[in-house]
Structure formats: C-alpha cells, structure tokens
Amino acid sequence: MPIVKKIEYDHPKWQFNGHLQTIIPSVFRQAFRLPFDRERVNTPDGDFLDLDWLRNQSSKLVIISHGLEGNSRRPYMTGMARQFFSNGYDVLNWNYRGCGEELNRKPIFYHSGATYDLDFVINHAEASYKEIYLIGFSLGGNLTLKYLGESRSRTEKIKKGVAVSAPLHLESSSVKISTGENIIYAKRFLRTLKEKVVQKAKIFPNDIPVGILRKIKTLQDFDDHFTGPLHGFENAHDYYEKNSSLYFLDGIEVPCLILNAQNDPFLSEKCFPVSIGRRLENVWMEFPKYGGHVGFSPRKKEDIYWSEHRAFEFITRDQ
C-alpha cells in the first residue's frame, strides 16, 4: 500500500513562499460565526476544560484540537468545523487548559503530549456517538497522533485521525522555529506564553518562578524552565523526547493522515519521515511542496481551504 503519496496543493501564486503561505491565513482569515454551544467540564484533578459544540443530532462526531496558543474559535478551527458541520457531522472544538477565556485552576496548563485531556474529552463525548474522528492542527496534530499511537485504552468508536502541520519531532522543530528568519514566529508565541506565566505566578507564586522570565529567549528555553518541569519532565529535552508523535506512529491502529507542507517554517526534516511511512500500514503521509504552516489557502476566496478538503475527503472515503 503506497502510504507516502506525492500530492500537490495548488497554492495562490502571489503567496510564493512558506512565510506568506503561513502568515496570510493567520493574519487575514476571518473566523466563521457558527452556532457553538459552550460547555465547561470539570477534569478529575479539579481543573476544567471549555468545549464548543456544533450539533446536527448526528451519530458521527469530529473532535478538533488547536495549535500552540490557539483556541477553539481560531479561523482554522472554525473553517474545519464548518466543513464537517455543513455536511451533517456533529463537531467538538475544544480549548486546552488556559486557552479559553480564563486561566485554568491548576499551576499546570497544556503541552504537546497532554493526551490525558484529549482522552477525557473523548470519554466525555463518546456515549452519544457511533463514530468519532480526530483532527489536530500543529501541536494538536502531534497530540492527536501521540494519543492514537499510545498503549492505552481507547474507545473503538474512533475511526480515523488527521494531523495538519504536525511537528512530529518536537526538539528539532523547536530549534528550527527559533532559528534565523523563523524566529519571528517563536517571539510571537513567547509573548503570549510569558503573559500567561505572569498571570499564573500571581496565583501560584510558589510553583512558578516568574523571575526567570528575563532569561527566556527561545521556545526551548521556555520549555526547559516551565513546560517541562511544570508537567513532570526533567527539562525540555526530556519533554520533547517523551512526547514527540514520531515515536508513536508504529502504534496507530486506525487510518490516519499526516498533511505536512515541505515549506513549513515550523517543521524540521524529521517531520517528513518518508522511510517510516513506507512501512506503516495505517498512516498516510502527504508532503506537498507548498502550504506553509496551517496555511493551504484556496486559490479562489470562496473555496474551502485545501487542508479542509483533504481532511474531509480522507475521513469520508474508504481507504
């Protein structure tokens, strides 16, 4: 079975490089106004998650996970949600801890491998559905793939998964986004991450060493001092190695699509594991030359984004 496919995305010609294909959708795309129904659920450890539902009274549910410092209402999230909701599916866009409209209750927040929260969301939702499909963007793509590849109990209702712009290897991708011209993206993420740390430190001064913030220059620095230790890892390296979905692909037992653009400024070479893909039975890898990071803009403004087209096509067609 040809798992690694040569497939090309026909990008708008004026978006002639990966940076434009990343920045234009991020800055100028508008979120769709959809009839979301917000639900707050309490987690077993005394925290909470905010879930945004779209209901058609369907027996099929699509659960969509956002990227780093994203949320359930980002344009790429509402675009994917609209594609499935308008075609009869129920949709659940969820917010990671601290990514909704208020800070979460615990010193911890979220990270690339926090599959315990995704598992909680799935278990909370699954009783009402016969089929469940998982879609993740960027960090959410890594989260989705890791969850599906872990040795854990999962409902058999999960039928397929899709990961868009997924950093399969976290450490090398963290280095890439903090190198050269890509550092503009890292600085943007660091600004909001630092703001959250400052807010949390006011509530948990003994758990969060806010004084170290002045030394944080890269995402790897942040993960070394905050993400890693706060979530039980020794440092950034330990966190990256234990949560990179690249190491969990062998365990995936349902059809999954990985859609990573070769000109994605966030992704390292290890995020395009062609040799691994050729031996996997359940993982489809598509690495188009263009697309940027969570980009894939349509050539015509009225068309859906290509990532939405591919996700819908993959989930609705027999493999």
C-alpha atoms as a PDB file:
ATOM      1  CA  MET A   1       0.000   0.000   0.000  1.00  0.00           C
ATOM      2  CA  PRO A   2       1.544   3.378  -1.029  1.00  0.00           C
ATOM      3  CA  ILE A   3       1.366   5.265   2.265  1.00  0.00           C
ATOM      4  CA  VAL A   4       3.657   8.142   1.251  1.00  0.00           C
ATOM      5  CA  LYS A   5       1.881   9.916  -1.575  1.00  0.00           C
ATOM      6  CA  LYS A   6       3.169  12.585  -3.915  1.00  0.00           C
ATOM      7  CA  ILE A   7       0.270  15.012  -3.963  1.00  0.00           C
ATOM      8  CA  GLU A   8       0.394  18.692  -4.787  1.00  0.00           C
ATOM      9  CA  TYR A   9      -1.545  21.591  -3.378  1.00  0.00           C
ATOM     10  CA  ASP A  10      -2.265  24.339  -5.935  1.00  0.00           C
ATOM     11  CA  HIS A  11      -1.412  27.468  -3.943  1.00  0.00           C
ATOM     12  CA  PRO A  12      -2.287  31.101  -4.757  1.00  0.00           C
ATOM     13  CA  LYS A  13       0.613  32.214  -6.948  1.00  0.00           C
ATOM     14  CA  TRP A  14       1.091  35.513  -5.110  1.00  0.00           C
ATOM     15  CA  GLN A  15       1.767  33.544  -1.930  1.00  0.00           C
ATOM     16  CA  PHE A  16       5.103  32.481  -3.343  1.00  0.00           C
ATOM     17  CA  ASN A  17       6.870  31.140  -0.235  1.00  0.00           C
ATOM     18  CA  GLY A  18       6.237  29.340   3.019  1.00  0.00           C
ATOM     19  CA  HIS A  19       6.196  32.507   5.096  1.00  0.00           C
ATOM     20  CA  LEU A  20       3.455  34.150   3.053  1.00  0.00           C
ATOM     21  CA  GLN A  21       1.522  30.876   2.967  1.00  0.00           C
ATOM     22  CA  THR A  22       1.748  30.810   6.779  1.00  0.00           C
ATOM     23  CA  ILE A  23       1.221  34.477   7.669  1.00  0.00           C
ATOM     24  CA  ILE A  24      -1.565  35.485   5.251  1.00  0.00           C
ATOM     25  CA  PRO A  25      -4.120  32.919   6.519  1.00  0.00           C
ATOM     26  CA  SER A  26      -3.096  33.553  10.132  1.00  0.00           C
ATOM     27  CA  VAL A  27      -3.489  37.324   9.936  1.00  0.00           C
ATOM     28  CA  PHE A  28      -6.221  37.920   7.389  1.00  0.00           C
ATOM     29  CA  ARG A  29      -8.527  34.912   7.523  1.00  0.00           C
ATOM     30  CA  GLN A  30     -11.741  35.600   9.423  1.00  0.00           C
ATOM     31  CA  ALA A  31     -13.312  33.095  11.795  1.00  0.00           C
ATOM     32  CA  PHE A  32     -16.721  31.794  10.801  1.00  0.00           C
ATOM     33  CA  ARG A  33     -19.624  32.621  13.073  1.00  0.00           C
ATOM     34  CA  LEU A  34     -21.041  29.243  13.940  1.00  0.00           C
ATOM     35  CA  PRO A  35     -23.771  28.299  16.443  1.00  0.00           C
ATOM     36  CA  PHE A  36     -21.385  26.933  19.060  1.00  0.00           C
ATOM     37  CA  ASP A  37     -22.789  25.719  22.353  1.00  0.00           C
ATOM     38  CA  ARG A  38     -20.202  26.217  25.123  1.00  0.00           C
ATOM     39  CA  GLU A  39     -19.871  23.529  27.788  1.00  0.00           C
ATOM     40  CA  ARG A  40     -17.497  23.634  30.742  1.00  0.00           C
ATOM     41  CA  VAL A  41     -16.450  20.238  32.084  1.00  0.00           C
ATOM     42  CA  ASN A  42     -14.502  19.556  35.269  1.00  0.00           C
ATOM     43  CA  THR A  43     -11.455  17.313  34.979  1.00  0.00           C
ATOM     44  CA  PRO A  44     -10.677  14.569  37.519  1.00  0.00           C
ATOM     45  CA  ASP A  45      -7.835  16.640  39.026  1.00  0.00           C
ATOM     46  CA  GLY A  46     -10.068  19.617  39.831  1.00  0.00           C
ATOM     47  CA  ASP A  47      -9.413  21.689  36.729  1.00  0.00           C
ATOM     48  CA  PHE A  48     -11.746  22.459  33.833  1.00  0.00           C
ATOM     49  CA  LEU A  49     -11.933  22.436  30.024  1.00  0.00           C
ATOM     50  CA  ASP A  50     -14.166  24.566  27.812  1.00  0.00           C
ATOM     51  CA  LEU A  51     -15.769  22.686  24.924  1.00  0.00           C
ATOM     52  CA  ASP A  52     -17.531  24.242  21.925  1.00  0.00           C
ATOM     53  CA  TRP A  53     -20.191  22.045  20.331  1.00  0.00           C
ATOM     54  CA  LEU A  54     -21.924  22.114  16.947  1.00  0.00           C
ATOM     55  CA  ARG A  55     -24.799  19.650  16.862  1.00  0.00           C
ATOM     56  CA  ASN A  56     -26.738  18.161  13.957  1.00  0.00           C
ATOM     57  CA  GLN A  57     -28.049  15.261  16.059  1.00  0.00           C
ATOM     58  CA  SER A  58     -25.633  13.109  14.073  1.00  0.00           C
ATOM     59  CA  SER A  59     -24.246   9.738  15.120  1.00  0.00           C
ATOM     60  CA  LYS A  60     -20.819  10.919  13.892  1.00  0.00           C
ATOM     61  CA  LEU A  61     -18.596  13.339  15.814  1.00  0.00           C
ATOM     62  CA  VAL A  62     -15.443  15.181  14.741  1.00  0.00           C
ATOM     63  CA  ILE A  63     -13.214  16.391  17.586  1.00  0.00           C
ATOM     64  CA  ILE A  64     -10.800  19.169  16.543  1.00  0.00           C
ATOM     65  CA  SER A  65      -7.669  20.144  18.510  1.00  0.00           C
ATOM     66  CA  HIS A  66      -5.941  23.506  18.052  1.00  0.00           C
ATOM     67  CA  GLY A  67      -2.322  24.569  17.901  1.00  0.00           C
ATOM     68  CA  LEU A  68       0.109  26.281  20.281  1.00  0.00           C
ATOM     69  CA  GLU A  69      -1.537  29.309  21.914  1.00  0.00           C
ATOM     70  CA  GLY A  70      -4.643  28.753  19.805  1.00  0.00           C
ATOM     71  CA  ASN A  71      -8.224  28.204  20.855  1.00  0.00           C
ATOM     72  CA  SER A  72     -11.490  26.702  19.650  1.00  0.00           C
ATOM     73  CA  ARG A  73     -12.548  29.823  17.748  1.00  0.00           C
ATOM     74  CA  ARG A  74      -9.459  30.434  15.632  1.00  0.00           C
ATOM     75  CA  PRO A  75     -10.200  30.771  11.893  1.00  0.00           C
ATOM     76  CA  TYR A  76      -8.532  27.463  11.013  1.00  0.00           C
ATOM     77  CA  MET A  77     -10.618  25.774  13.710  1.00  0.00           C
ATOM     78  CA  THR A  78     -13.924  27.277  12.610  1.00  0.00           C
ATOM     79  CA  GLY A  79     -13.075  26.605   8.963  1.00  0.00           C
ATOM     80  CA  MET A  80     -12.572  22.900   9.599  1.00  0.00           C
ATOM     81  CA  ALA A  81     -15.624  22.812  11.875  1.00  0.00           C
ATOM     82  CA  ARG A  82     -17.816  24.441   9.239  1.00  0.00           C
ATOM     83  CA  GLN A  83     -16.744  21.933   6.593  1.00  0.00           C
ATOM     84  CA  PHE A  84     -17.935  18.985   8.660  1.00  0.00           C
ATOM     85  CA  PHE A  85     -20.918  20.661  10.337  1.00  0.00           C
ATOM     86  CA  SER A  86     -22.324  21.796   6.981  1.00  0.00           C
ATOM     87  CA  ASN A  87     -22.101  18.180   5.821  1.00  0.00           C
ATOM     88  CA  GLY A  88     -24.125  16.765   8.689  1.00  0.00           C
ATOM     89  CA  TYR A  89     -21.494  15.884  11.294  1.00  0.00           C
ATOM     90  CA  ASP A  90     -21.512  16.951  14.905  1.00  0.00           C
ATOM     91  CA  VAL A  91     -18.344  18.859  15.766  1.00  0.00           C
ATOM     92  CA  LEU A  92     -16.495  19.486  19.022  1.00  0.00           C
ATOM     93  CA  ASN A  93     -13.799  22.189  19.088  1.00  0.00           C
ATOM     94  CA  TRP A  94     -12.103  22.136  22.478  1.00  0.00           C
ATOM     95  CA  ASN A  95      -9.836  24.501  24.373  1.00  0.00           C
ATOM     96  CA  TYR A  96      -6.748  23.280  26.172  1.00  0.00           C
ATOM     97  CA  ARG A  97      -6.205  24.305  29.785  1.00  0.00           C
ATOM     98  CA  GLY A  98      -5.764  28.067  29.934  1.00  0.00           C
ATOM     99  CA  CYS A  99      -6.635  28.578  26.270  1.00  0.00           C
ATOM    100  CA  GLY A 100     -10.281  29.532  26.731  1.00  0.00           C
ATOM    101  CA  GLU A 101     -11.477  32.861  28.045  1.00  0.00           C
ATOM    102  CA  GLU A 102      -9.963  32.459  31.513  1.00  0.00           C
ATOM    103  CA  LEU A 103      -6.996  30.806  33.185  1.00  0.00           C
ATOM    104  CA  ASN A 104      -7.328  27.258  34.370  1.00  0.00           C
ATOM    105  CA  ARG A 105      -7.312  26.409  38.076  1.00  0.00           C
ATOM    106  CA  LYS A 106      -4.054  24.474  38.343  1.00  0.00           C
ATOM    107  CA  PRO A 107      -0.386  25.512  38.069  1.00  0.00           C
ATOM    108  CA  ILE A 108      -0.050  23.256  35.011  1.00  0.00           C
ATOM    109  CA  PHE A 109      -1.508  24.317  31.678  1.00  0.00           C
ATOM    110  CA  TYR A 110      -1.168  22.307  28.448  1.00  0.00           C
ATOM    111  CA  HIS A 111       1.582  20.788  26.337  1.00  0.00           C
ATOM    112  CA  SER A 112       2.204  18.872  23.112  1.00  0.00           C
ATOM    113  CA  GLY A 113       1.733  15.469  24.692  1.00  0.00           C
ATOM    114  CA  ALA A 114      -1.063  16.086  27.222  1.00  0.00           C
ATOM    115  CA  THR A 115      -3.153  13.237  25.887  1.00  0.00           C
ATOM    116  CA  TYR A 116      -4.847  12.721  29.246  1.00  0.00           C
ATOM    117  CA  ASP A 117      -7.024  15.750  28.484  1.00  0.00           C
ATOM    118  CA  LEU A 118      -7.840  14.598  24.954  1.00  0.00           C
ATOM    119  CA  ASP A 119      -8.740  11.206  26.380  1.00  0.00           C
ATOM    120  CA  PHE A 120     -11.000  12.866  28.947  1.00  0.00           C
ATOM    121  CA  VAL A 121     -12.768  14.872  26.221  1.00  0.00           C
ATOM    122  CA  ILE A 122     -13.304  11.760  24.089  1.00  0.00           C
ATOM    123  CA  ASN A 123     -14.656   9.779  27.036  1.00  0.00           C
ATOM    124  CA  HIS A 124     -16.965  12.638  27.948  1.00  0.00           C
ATOM    125  CA  ALA A 125     -18.388  12.795  24.422  1.00  0.00           C
ATOM    126  CA  GLU A 126     -18.361   9.227  23.162  1.00  0.00           C
ATOM    127  CA  ALA A 127     -21.575   7.874  24.729  1.00  0.00           C
ATOM    128  CA  SER A 128     -23.730   9.826  22.273  1.00  0.00           C
ATOM    129  CA  TYR A 129     -21.961   8.697  19.095  1.00  0.00           C
ATOM    130  CA  LYS A 130     -21.319   5.637  16.961  1.00  0.00           C
ATOM    131  CA  GLU A 131     -18.275   7.052  15.179  1.00  0.00           C
ATOM    132  CA  ILE A 132     -15.617   9.538  16.305  1.00  0.00           C
ATOM    133  CA  TYR A 133     -12.960  11.223  14.150  1.00  0.00           C
ATOM    134  CA  LEU A 134      -9.984  13.206  15.436  1.00  0.00           C
ATOM    135  CA  ILE A 135      -8.395  16.201  13.700  1.00  0.00           C
ATOM    136  CA  GLY A 136      -5.476  18.215  15.055  1.00  0.00           C
ATOM    137  CA  PHE A 137      -3.561  21.271  13.886  1.00  0.00           C
ATOM    138  CA  SER A 138       0.147  21.752  14.647  1.00  0.00           C
ATOM    139  CA  LEU A 139       0.565  20.990  18.379  1.00  0.00           C
ATOM    140  CA  GLY A 140      -2.909  19.449  18.212  1.00  0.00           C
ATOM    141  CA  GLY A 141      -1.731  17.263  15.357  1.00  0.00           C
ATOM    142  CA  ASN A 142       1.140  15.932  17.444  1.00  0.00           C
ATOM    143  CA  LEU A 143      -1.282  15.427  20.341  1.00  0.00           C
ATOM    144  CA  THR A 144      -3.730  13.512  18.131  1.00  0.00           C
ATOM    145  CA  LEU A 145      -1.097  11.193  16.672  1.00  0.00           C
ATOM    146  CA  LYS A 146       0.526  10.525  20.051  1.00  0.00           C
ATOM    147  CA  TYR A 147      -2.873   9.707  21.550  1.00  0.00           C
ATOM    148  CA  LEU A 148      -3.699   7.253  18.776  1.00  0.00           C
ATOM    149  CA  GLY A 149      -0.290   5.576  18.999  1.00  0.00           C
ATOM    150  CA  GLU A 150      -0.078   5.205  22.758  1.00  0.00           C
ATOM    151  CA  SER A 151      -0.527   1.944  24.620  1.00  0.00           C
ATOM    152  CA  ARG A 152      -3.738   2.964  26.328  1.00  0.00           C
ATOM    153  CA  SER A 153      -7.400   2.055  26.489  1.00  0.00           C
ATOM    154  CA  ARG A 154      -9.358   3.819  23.735  1.00  0.00           C
ATOM    155  CA  THR A 155     -12.927   3.551  22.559  1.00  0.00           C
ATOM    156  CA  GLU A 156     -13.426   1.504  19.398  1.00  0.00           C
ATOM    157  CA  LYS A 157     -15.644   4.297  18.128  1.00  0.00           C
ATOM    158  CA  ILE A 158     -12.567   6.224  16.963  1.00  0.00           C
ATOM    159  CA  LYS A 159     -12.386   5.508  13.255  1.00  0.00           C
ATOM    160  CA  LYS A 160      -9.798   7.872  11.742  1.00  0.00           C
ATOM    161  CA  GLY A 161      -7.432  10.723  12.510  1.00  0.00           C
ATOM    162  CA  VAL A 162      -5.969  13.682  10.618  1.00  0.00           C
ATOM    163  CA  ALA A 163      -2.932  15.761  11.624  1.00  0.00           C
ATOM    164  CA  VAL A 164      -2.255  19.028   9.777  1.00  0.00           C
ATOM    165  CA  SER A 165       1.165  20.722  10.024  1.00  0.00           C
ATOM    166  CA  ALA A 166       2.201  18.388  12.828  1.00  0.00           C
ATOM    167  CA  PRO A 167       5.661  18.763  14.451  1.00  0.00           C
ATOM    168  CA  LEU A 168       6.320  15.025  14.643  1.00  0.00           C
ATOM    169  CA  HIS A 169       9.738  15.624  16.192  1.00  0.00           C
ATOM    170  CA  LEU A 170       9.407  18.341  18.814  1.00  0.00           C
ATOM    171  CA  GLU A 171      13.027  19.119  19.648  1.00  0.00           C
ATOM    172  CA  SER A 172      14.320  19.692  16.121  1.00  0.00           C
ATOM    173  CA  SER A 173      11.176  21.659  15.263  1.00  0.00           C
ATOM    174  CA  SER A 174      11.661  23.844  18.347  1.00  0.00           C
ATOM    175  CA  VAL A 175      15.198  24.555  17.160  1.00  0.00           C
ATOM    176  CA  LYS A 176      14.024  25.381  13.642  1.00  0.00           C
ATOM    177  CA  ILE A 177      11.336  27.838  14.715  1.00  0.00           C
ATOM    178  CA  SER A 178      13.908  29.682  16.846  1.00  0.00           C
ATOM    179  CA  THR A 179      16.494  29.904  14.067  1.00  0.00           C
ATOM    180  CA  GLY A 180      17.087  32.667  11.511  1.00  0.00           C
ATOM    181  CA  GLU A 181      14.065  34.311   9.927  1.00  0.00           C
ATOM    182  CA  ASN A 182      11.730  31.834  11.613  1.00  0.00           C
ATOM    183  CA  ILE A 183      12.343  33.463  14.979  1.00  0.00           C
ATOM    184  CA  ILE A 184       9.510  35.925  14.321  1.00  0.00           C
ATOM    185  CA  TYR A 185       7.086  33.070  14.961  1.00  0.00           C
ATOM    186  CA  ALA A 186       8.833  31.983  18.144  1.00  0.00           C
ATOM    187  CA  LYS A 187       8.758  35.535  19.523  1.00  0.00           C
ATOM    188  CA  ARG A 188       5.033  35.769  18.890  1.00  0.00           C
ATOM    189  CA  PHE A 189       4.389  32.546  20.795  1.00  0.00           C
ATOM    190  CA  LEU A 190       6.760  33.525  23.587  1.00  0.00           C
ATOM    191  CA  ARG A 191       4.985  36.820  24.158  1.00  0.00           C
ATOM    192  CA  THR A 192       1.643  35.202  24.960  1.00  0.00           C
ATOM    193  CA  LEU A 193       3.207  32.289  26.837  1.00  0.00           C
ATOM    194  CA  LYS A 194       5.113  34.698  29.076  1.00  0.00           C
ATOM    195  CA  GLU A 195       1.945  36.703  29.697  1.00  0.00           C
ATOM    196  CA  LYS A 196       0.230  33.541  30.927  1.00  0.00           C
ATOM    197  CA  VAL A 197       3.139  32.702  33.198  1.00  0.00           C
ATOM    198  CA  VAL A 198       2.983  36.157  34.766  1.00  0.00           C
ATOM    199  CA  GLN A 199      -0.756  35.781  35.366  1.00  0.00           C
ATOM    200  CA  LYS A 200      -0.363  32.296  36.820  1.00  0.00           C
ATOM    201  CA  ALA A 201       2.524  33.348  39.059  1.00  0.00           C
ATOM    202  CA  LYS A 202       0.183  35.767  40.830  1.00  0.00           C
ATOM    203  CA  ILE A 203      -1.992  32.799  41.817  1.00  0.00           C
ATOM    204  CA  PHE A 204       0.749  30.184  42.280  1.00  0.00           C
ATOM    205  CA  PRO A 205       3.866  32.123  43.347  1.00  0.00           C
ATOM    206  CA  ASN A 206       5.477  29.043  44.889  1.00  0.00           C
ATOM    207  CA  ASP A 207       5.043  26.904  41.772  1.00  0.00           C
ATOM    208  CA  ILE A 208       6.038  29.310  39.014  1.00  0.00           C
ATOM    209  CA  PRO A 209       9.469  31.058  39.128  1.00  0.00           C
ATOM    210  CA  VAL A 210       8.459  34.193  37.265  1.00  0.00           C
ATOM    211  CA  GLY A 211      11.841  35.826  37.912  1.00  0.00           C
ATOM    212  CA  ILE A 212      13.469  33.528  35.370  1.00  0.00           C
ATOM    213  CA  LEU A 213      11.388  35.002  32.514  1.00  0.00           C
ATOM    214  CA  ARG A 214      14.002  37.605  31.644  1.00  0.00           C
ATOM    215  CA  LYS A 215      16.356  34.774  30.665  1.00  0.00           C
ATOM    216  CA  ILE A 216      13.854  33.107  28.335  1.00  0.00           C
ATOM    217  CA  LYS A 217      14.868  33.870  24.735  1.00  0.00           C
ATOM    218  CA  THR A 218      13.616  30.821  22.818  1.00  0.00           C
ATOM    219  CA  LEU A 219      10.770  28.324  22.968  1.00  0.00           C
ATOM    220  CA  GLN A 220      13.283  25.722  24.074  1.00  0.00           C
ATOM    221  CA  ASP A 221      14.241  27.968  26.995  1.00  0.00           C
ATOM    222  CA  PHE A 222      10.575  28.252  27.923  1.00  0.00           C
ATOM    223  CA  ASP A 223      10.085  24.501  27.752  1.00  0.00           C
ATOM    224  CA  ASP A 224      13.274  23.970  29.759  1.00  0.00           C
ATOM    225  CA  HIS A 225      12.146  26.148  32.660  1.00  0.00           C
ATOM    226  CA  PHE A 226       8.359  25.976  32.518  1.00  0.00           C
ATOM    227  CA  THR A 227       6.627  23.442  30.259  1.00  0.00           C
ATOM    228  CA  GLY A 228       8.942  20.582  31.163  1.00  0.00           C
ATOM    229  CA  PRO A 229       9.240  20.963  34.953  1.00  0.00           C
ATOM    230  CA  LEU A 230       5.614  22.045  35.500  1.00  0.00           C
ATOM    231  CA  HIS A 231       4.372  18.882  33.800  1.00  0.00           C
ATOM    232  CA  GLY A 232       6.724  16.384  35.392  1.00  0.00           C
ATOM    233  CA  PHE A 233       9.612  16.302  32.905  1.00  0.00           C
ATOM    234  CA  GLU A 234      13.269  16.897  33.739  1.00  0.00           C
ATOM    235  CA  ASN A 235      13.833  19.560  31.114  1.00  0.00           C
ATOM    236  CA  ALA A 236      12.952  20.498  27.531  1.00  0.00           C
ATOM    237  CA  HIS A 237      14.845  17.543  26.037  1.00  0.00           C
ATOM    238  CA  ASP A 238      13.073  15.056  28.282  1.00  0.00           C
ATOM    239  CA  TYR A 239       9.725  16.666  27.457  1.00  0.00           C
ATOM    240  CA  TYR A 240      10.386  16.595  23.708  1.00  0.00           C
ATOM    241  CA  GLU A 241      11.609  13.012  23.641  1.00  0.00           C
ATOM    242  CA  LYS A 242       8.682  11.643  25.633  1.00  0.00           C
ATOM    243  CA  ASN A 243       6.019  13.498  23.652  1.00  0.00           C
ATOM    244  CA  SER A 244       7.119  13.530  20.014  1.00  0.00           C
ATOM    245  CA  SER A 245       4.471  11.701  17.995  1.00  0.00           C
ATOM    246  CA  LEU A 246       7.175  10.398  15.650  1.00  0.00           C
ATOM    247  CA  TYR A 247       7.870   7.730  18.272  1.00  0.00           C
ATOM    248  CA  PHE A 248       4.226   6.673  18.480  1.00  0.00           C
ATOM    249  CA  LEU A 249       3.365   6.217  14.788  1.00  0.00           C
ATOM    250  CA  ASP A 250       4.036   2.467  14.915  1.00  0.00           C
ATOM    251  CA  GLY A 251       1.250   2.039  17.451  1.00  0.00           C
ATOM    252  CA  ILE A 252      -1.512   3.663  15.397  1.00  0.00           C
ATOM    253  CA  GLU A 253      -4.224   1.145  14.513  1.00  0.00           C
ATOM    254  CA  VAL A 254      -6.788   3.315  12.704  1.00  0.00           C
ATOM    255  CA  PRO A 255      -6.297   5.133   9.382  1.00  0.00           C
ATOM    256  CA  CYS A 256      -4.522   8.451   9.900  1.00  0.00           C
ATOM    257  CA  LEU A 257      -3.477  11.204   7.517  1.00  0.00           C
ATOM    258  CA  ILE A 258      -0.451  13.425   8.160  1.00  0.00           C
ATOM    259  CA  LEU A 259      -0.506  16.540   5.968  1.00  0.00           C
ATOM    260  CA  ASN A 260       2.766  18.484   6.264  1.00  0.00           C
ATOM    261  CA  ALA A 261       3.966  21.047   3.720  1.00  0.00           C
ATOM    262  CA  GLN A 262       7.620  20.856   2.783  1.00  0.00           C
ATOM    263  CA  ASN A 263       7.982  24.649   3.022  1.00  0.00           C
ATOM    264  CA  ASP A 264       6.503  24.810   6.525  1.00  0.00           C
ATOM    265  CA  PRO A 265       8.801  27.163   8.507  1.00  0.00           C
ATOM    266  CA  PHE A 266       7.942  25.373  11.775  1.00  0.00           C
ATOM    267  CA  LEU A 267       8.836  21.814  10.795  1.00  0.00           C
ATOM    268  CA  SER A 268      12.262  20.162  10.738  1.00  0.00           C
ATOM    269  CA  GLU A 269      13.367  17.456   8.315  1.00  0.00           C
ATOM    270  CA  LYS A 270      12.418  14.820  10.896  1.00  0.00           C
ATOM    271  CA  CYS A 271       8.769  15.793  10.419  1.00  0.00           C
ATOM    272  CA  PHE A 272       8.835  14.193   6.963  1.00  0.00           C
ATOM    273  CA  PRO A 273       9.727  10.571   7.803  1.00  0.00           C
ATOM    274  CA  VAL A 274       9.297   9.004   4.385  1.00  0.00           C
ATOM    275  CA  SER A 275      11.189   5.804   5.246  1.00  0.00           C
ATOM    276  CA  ILE A 276       8.971   5.225   8.278  1.00  0.00           C
ATOM    277  CA  GLY A 277       5.833   5.970   6.305  1.00  0.00           C
ATOM    278  CA  ARG A 278       6.622   3.330   3.725  1.00  0.00           C
ATOM    279  CA  ARG A 279       6.419   0.548   6.287  1.00  0.00           C
ATOM    280  CA  LEU A 280       3.379   1.729   8.251  1.00  0.00           C
ATOM    281  CA  GLU A 281       0.030   0.192   7.408  1.00  0.00           C
ATOM    282  CA  ASN A 282      -2.305   2.771   8.924  1.00  0.00           C
ATOM    283  CA  VAL A 283      -0.564   6.121   8.441  1.00  0.00           C
ATOM    284  CA  TRP A 284      -0.946   8.059   5.216  1.00  0.00           C
ATOM    285  CA  MET A 285       1.709  10.738   4.736  1.00  0.00           C
ATOM    286  CA  GLU A 286       1.212  13.584   2.274  1.00  0.00           C
ATOM    287  CA  PHE A 287       4.020  16.110   1.974  1.00  0.00           C
ATOM    288  CA  PRO A 288       3.098  18.695  -0.689  1.00  0.00           C
ATOM    289  CA  LYS A 289       5.782  21.140  -1.752  1.00  0.00           C
ATOM    290  CA  TYR A 290       3.718  24.157  -0.706  1.00  0.00           C
ATOM    291  CA  GLY A 291       1.282  25.085   2.048  1.00  0.00           C
ATOM    292  CA  GLY A 292       3.190  26.794   4.854  1.00  0.00           C
ATOM    293  CA  HIS A 293       2.196  26.150   8.456  1.00  0.00           C
ATOM    294  CA  VAL A 294      -1.560  25.679   8.967  1.00  0.00           C
ATOM    295  CA  GLY A 295      -1.923  27.513   5.675  1.00  0.00           C
ATOM    296  CA  PHE A 296      -3.163  25.807   2.493  1.00  0.00           C
ATOM    297  CA  SER A 297      -5.174  28.838   1.331  1.00  0.00           C
ATOM    298  CA  PRO A 298      -7.504  28.261  -1.647  1.00  0.00           C
ATOM    299  CA  ARG A 299      -6.796  29.985  -4.946  1.00  0.00           C
ATOM    300  CA  LYS A 300     -10.346  31.329  -5.003  1.00  0.00           C
ATOM    301  CA  LYS A 301     -11.518  33.230  -1.938  1.00  0.00           C
ATOM    302  CA  GLU A 302     -14.902  31.485  -1.885  1.00  0.00           C
ATOM    303  CA  ASP A 303     -13.395  27.970  -1.869  1.00  0.00           C
ATOM    304  CA  ILE A 304     -12.615  25.963   1.248  1.00  0.00           C
ATOM    305  CA  TYR A 305      -9.035  25.621   2.407  1.00  0.00           C
ATOM    306  CA  TRP A 306      -7.149  22.692   0.934  1.00  0.00           C
ATOM    307  CA  SER A 307      -6.464  21.175   4.362  1.00  0.00           C
ATOM    308  CA  GLU A 308     -10.231  21.123   4.978  1.00  0.00           C
ATOM    309  CA  HIS A 309     -10.798  19.488   1.602  1.00  0.00           C
ATOM    310  CA  ARG A 310      -8.183  16.797   2.273  1.00  0.00           C
ATOM    311  CA  ALA A 311      -9.372  16.113   5.826  1.00  0.00           C
ATOM    312  CA  PHE A 312     -12.989  15.769   4.705  1.00  0.00           C
ATOM    313  CA  GLU A 313     -12.027  13.595   1.740  1.00  0.00           C
ATOM    314  CA  PHE A 314      -9.863  11.324   3.893  1.00  0.00           C
ATOM    315  CA  ILE A 315     -12.469  10.891   6.610  1.00  0.00           C
ATOM    316  CA  THR A 316     -15.432  10.321   4.302  1.00  0.00           C
ATOM    317  CA  ARG A 317     -13.818   7.959   1.785  1.00  0.00           C
ATOM    318  CA  ASP A 318     -12.913   4.311   2.225  1.00  0.00           C
ATOM    319  CA  GLN A 319      -9.148   3.848   2.429  1.00  0.00           C
END
